[in-house]
Each structure stands twice: as structure tokens, then as C-alpha cells.
């Protein structure tokens, strides 16, 4: 493997990580602001001053999930072209990419504080978000002109 191939792979993983980070930060921010607006969260929780930490944590969590997804996806689908990818398999890799970091984080940090049902629901929710993101990304990539896809193809 040469330097060009390695740098392309790093750039691809970084792009997916950044995309997932932005998406997770936006979803987390929207959920938090919606909960504040509809008074689902008590005002004693901190209000809007918690917005920046939520955005940062959402971005970091999404970036880690995106990195896991990109790594698993690249290894599992390395001999397939964009046209031959199965939407179900892409959704599976997205689900796994989002669930693994969530489960590890919840298992290590909140195992004694959060009931197991809540942790399971959080893992399922993040997994569904990851599966959706992965599927949408591949569908968008398929809409790109064929020349752009061929120019960006990695040599294996």
C-alpha cells in the first residue's frame, strides 16, 4: 500500500467522521432545544447554557461512530463497487458503527446510574440513526456522476 492510497483512505474516513459528527450534533441539539421548548426537561437542569457541551459531545460521539462505521464498512465491502452495494448491508454497518461506541460509553460510564432498559433503548436509537445515515450517504453517492465516482475510486 502506497502513500497515496493511505492518504485517500484517511481522507475518506475523516470525511465520514465529520459528516456523522455534524449530523449527531444537529440531532442532539434539536432534541435538547425541543425538550426545553416543550418543557420536557426541568429548567434546573441547566437550560441553554448546556447547549455548547451538548453540541461538542454530539459531534465527538458522531465522529467516533462515523469512524467505526467507515472502518467496518471499508473492510467488509472492500471488493464491491458502489453499484453492487446492498442497502441492507450498508444499513447493518451503519447500525454497528453507531451502536458499538454507544454501548461502550454507556457500559463504562453509566452502568450503575442508568437502567439497562434505557441503555438498550439508547443503543437502538443510535443504531437506527447510524443505519439511516449510512443508507442516505450511499444513496447520495450513487447519484453522483459516474466520472466523479471513477476518479475517486481507490485502487486495491
Protein backbone atom coordinates (compact mmCIF):
# COMPACT_ATOMS: atom_id res chain seq x y z
CA UNK A 1 0.00 0.00 0.00
CA UNK A 2 1.49 3.32 -1.03
CA UNK A 3 1.23 6.80 0.47
CA UNK A 4 -1.48 7.97 -1.96
CA UNK A 5 -3.75 5.05 -1.09
CA UNK A 6 -3.27 5.55 2.64
CA UNK A 7 -3.91 9.29 2.42
CA UNK A 8 -7.09 8.70 0.38
CA UNK A 9 -8.38 6.24 2.94
CA UNK A 10 -7.62 8.60 5.80
CA UNK A 11 -9.36 11.42 3.94
CA UNK A 12 -12.41 9.21 3.30
CA UNK A 13 -12.67 8.12 6.93
CA UNK A 14 -12.18 11.72 8.10
CA UNK A 15 -14.92 12.95 5.78
CA UNK A 16 -17.37 10.32 7.01
CA UNK A 17 -16.43 11.03 10.63
CA UNK A 18 -17.00 14.77 10.15
CA UNK A 19 -20.33 14.17 8.40
CA UNK A 20 -21.56 11.89 11.16
CA UNK A 21 -20.27 14.31 13.80
CA UNK A 22 -22.25 17.19 12.33
CA UNK A 23 -25.36 15.03 11.96
CA UNK A 24 -25.21 13.73 15.54
CA UNK A 25 -24.54 17.24 16.91
CA UNK A 26 -27.51 18.62 14.96
CA UNK A 27 -29.81 15.82 16.14
CA UNK A 28 -28.71 16.19 19.76
CA UNK A 29 -29.10 19.96 19.66
CA UNK A 30 -32.54 19.71 18.08
CA UNK A 31 -33.69 17.15 20.65
CA UNK A 32 -32.35 19.24 23.54
CA UNK A 33 -33.87 22.50 22.32
CA UNK A 34 -37.17 20.77 21.60
CA UNK A 35 -37.21 19.30 25.10
CA UNK A 36 -36.53 22.76 26.57
CA UNK A 37 -39.17 24.44 24.38
CA UNK A 38 -41.87 21.94 25.29
CA UNK A 39 -40.80 21.93 28.96
CA UNK A 40 -39.96 18.22 28.94
CA UNK A 41 -36.72 18.98 30.80
CA UNK A 42 -36.83 20.86 34.08
CA UNK A 43 -35.25 24.36 33.96
CA UNK A 44 -33.00 23.39 36.89
CA UNK A 45 -31.15 21.06 34.54
CA UNK A 46 -29.22 23.99 33.19
CA UNK A 47 -31.17 25.38 30.29
CA UNK A 48 -29.45 26.85 27.27
CA UNK A 49 -26.03 27.03 28.97
CA UNK A 50 -25.72 23.28 28.33
CA UNK A 51 -26.07 23.81 24.59
CA UNK A 52 -22.36 24.10 23.76
CA UNK A 53 -21.37 20.94 25.71
CA UNK A 54 -24.21 19.05 24.02
CA UNK A 55 -23.03 20.18 20.58
CA UNK A 56 -19.42 19.21 21.35
CA UNK A 57 -20.34 15.83 22.81
CA UNK A 58 -22.73 15.12 19.95
CA UNK A 59 -20.03 15.92 17.42
CA UNK A 60 -17.41 13.79 19.16
CA UNK A 61 -19.83 10.87 19.58
CA UNK A 62 -20.91 11.11 15.95
CA UNK A 63 -17.32 11.36 14.73
CA UNK A 64 -16.35 8.24 16.68
CA UNK A 65 -19.40 6.38 15.38
CA UNK A 66 -18.63 7.55 11.83
CA UNK A 67 -15.04 6.35 12.16
CA UNK A 68 -16.20 2.93 13.38
CA UNK A 69 -18.72 2.74 10.52
CA UNK A 70 -16.18 3.80 7.88
CA UNK A 71 -13.61 1.29 9.13
CA UNK A 72 -16.04 -1.64 9.33
CA UNK A 73 -17.64 -0.71 6.02
CA UNK A 74 -14.29 -0.41 4.22
CA UNK A 75 -13.12 -3.79 5.47
CA UNK A 76 -16.38 -5.65 4.88
CA UNK A 77 -17.21 -4.19 1.46
CA UNK A 78 -13.72 -3.71 0.03
CA UNK A 79 -14.34 -5.87 -3.05
CA UNK A 80 -17.66 -4.29 -4.01
CA UNK A 81 -18.39 -1.32 -6.20
CA UNK A 82 -20.86 1.42 -5.33
CA UNK A 83 -23.34 -0.10 -7.76
CA UNK A 84 -23.19 -3.57 -6.17
CA UNK A 85 -23.58 -2.48 -2.55
CA UNK A 86 -26.63 -3.83 -0.77
CA UNK A 87 -28.66 -1.18 1.09
CA UNK A 88 -29.35 -3.69 3.87
CA UNK A 89 -25.67 -4.42 4.40
CA UNK A 90 -24.81 -0.72 4.39
CA UNK A 91 -27.56 -0.15 6.97
CA UNK A 92 -26.16 -3.01 9.06
CA UNK A 93 -22.66 -1.49 9.05
CA UNK A 94 -24.16 1.90 9.97
CA UNK A 95 -26.11 0.31 12.80
CA UNK A 96 -23.00 -1.42 14.12
CA UNK A 97 -20.92 1.73 13.72
CA UNK A 98 -23.32 3.72 15.88
CA UNK A 99 -24.14 1.04 18.47
CA UNK A 100 -20.60 -0.04 19.38
CA UNK A 101 -19.35 3.33 20.72
CA UNK A 102 -22.73 3.98 22.39
CA UNK A 103 -22.73 0.62 24.15
CA UNK A 104 -19.12 1.01 25.28
CA UNK A 105 -19.74 4.54 26.58
CA UNK A 106 -22.92 3.59 28.40
CA UNK A 107 -21.41 0.37 29.72
CA UNK A 108 -18.32 2.06 31.11
CA UNK A 109 -19.76 5.34 32.30
CA UNK A 110 -23.35 4.79 33.22
CA UNK A 111 -23.72 1.12 34.07
CA UNK A 112 -24.64 1.83 37.69
CA UNK A 113 -26.63 5.01 37.04
CA UNK A 114 -28.81 4.21 34.04
CA UNK A 115 -31.28 1.30 33.96
CA UNK A 116 -30.49 -1.42 31.42
CA UNK A 117 -33.71 -0.74 29.52
CA UNK A 118 -32.75 2.89 28.99
CA UNK A 119 -29.28 1.85 27.81
CA UNK A 120 -30.83 -0.64 25.40
CA UNK A 121 -33.23 1.98 24.04
CA UNK A 122 -30.36 4.45 23.59
CA UNK A 123 -28.30 1.86 21.72
CA UNK A 124 -31.25 1.01 19.50
CA UNK A 125 -31.97 4.69 18.78
CA UNK A 126 -28.34 5.47 17.93
CA UNK A 127 -28.15 2.31 15.82
CA UNK A 128 -31.19 3.37 13.81
CA UNK A 129 -29.70 6.83 13.32
CA UNK A 130 -26.43 5.24 12.15
CA UNK A 131 -28.23 2.89 9.77
CA UNK A 132 -30.18 5.83 8.32
CA UNK A 133 -27.07 7.97 7.89
CA UNK A 134 -25.17 5.15 6.19
CA UNK A 135 -28.01 4.40 3.79
CA UNK A 136 -28.52 8.07 2.90
CA UNK A 137 -24.78 8.57 2.31
CA UNK A 138 -24.61 5.65 -0.13
CA UNK A 139 -27.78 6.74 -1.94
CA UNK A 140 -26.34 10.24 -2.33
CA UNK A 141 -23.05 8.82 -3.56
CA UNK A 142 -24.89 6.77 -6.20
CA UNK A 143 -26.44 9.96 -7.57
CA UNK A 144 -23.02 11.43 -8.31
CA UNK A 145 -21.87 11.45 -11.94
CA UNK A 146 -20.11 8.25 -12.96
CA UNK A 147 -16.92 10.15 -13.84
CA UNK A 148 -16.66 11.56 -10.30
CA UNK A 149 -17.05 8.09 -8.81
CA UNK A 150 -14.44 6.57 -11.14
CA UNK A 151 -11.95 9.38 -10.42
CA UNK A 152 -12.29 8.88 -6.65
CA UNK A 153 -12.05 5.07 -6.70
CA UNK A 154 -9.36 3.59 -4.51
CA UNK A 155 -7.00 1.10 -6.12
CA UNK A 156 -6.97 -2.22 -4.24
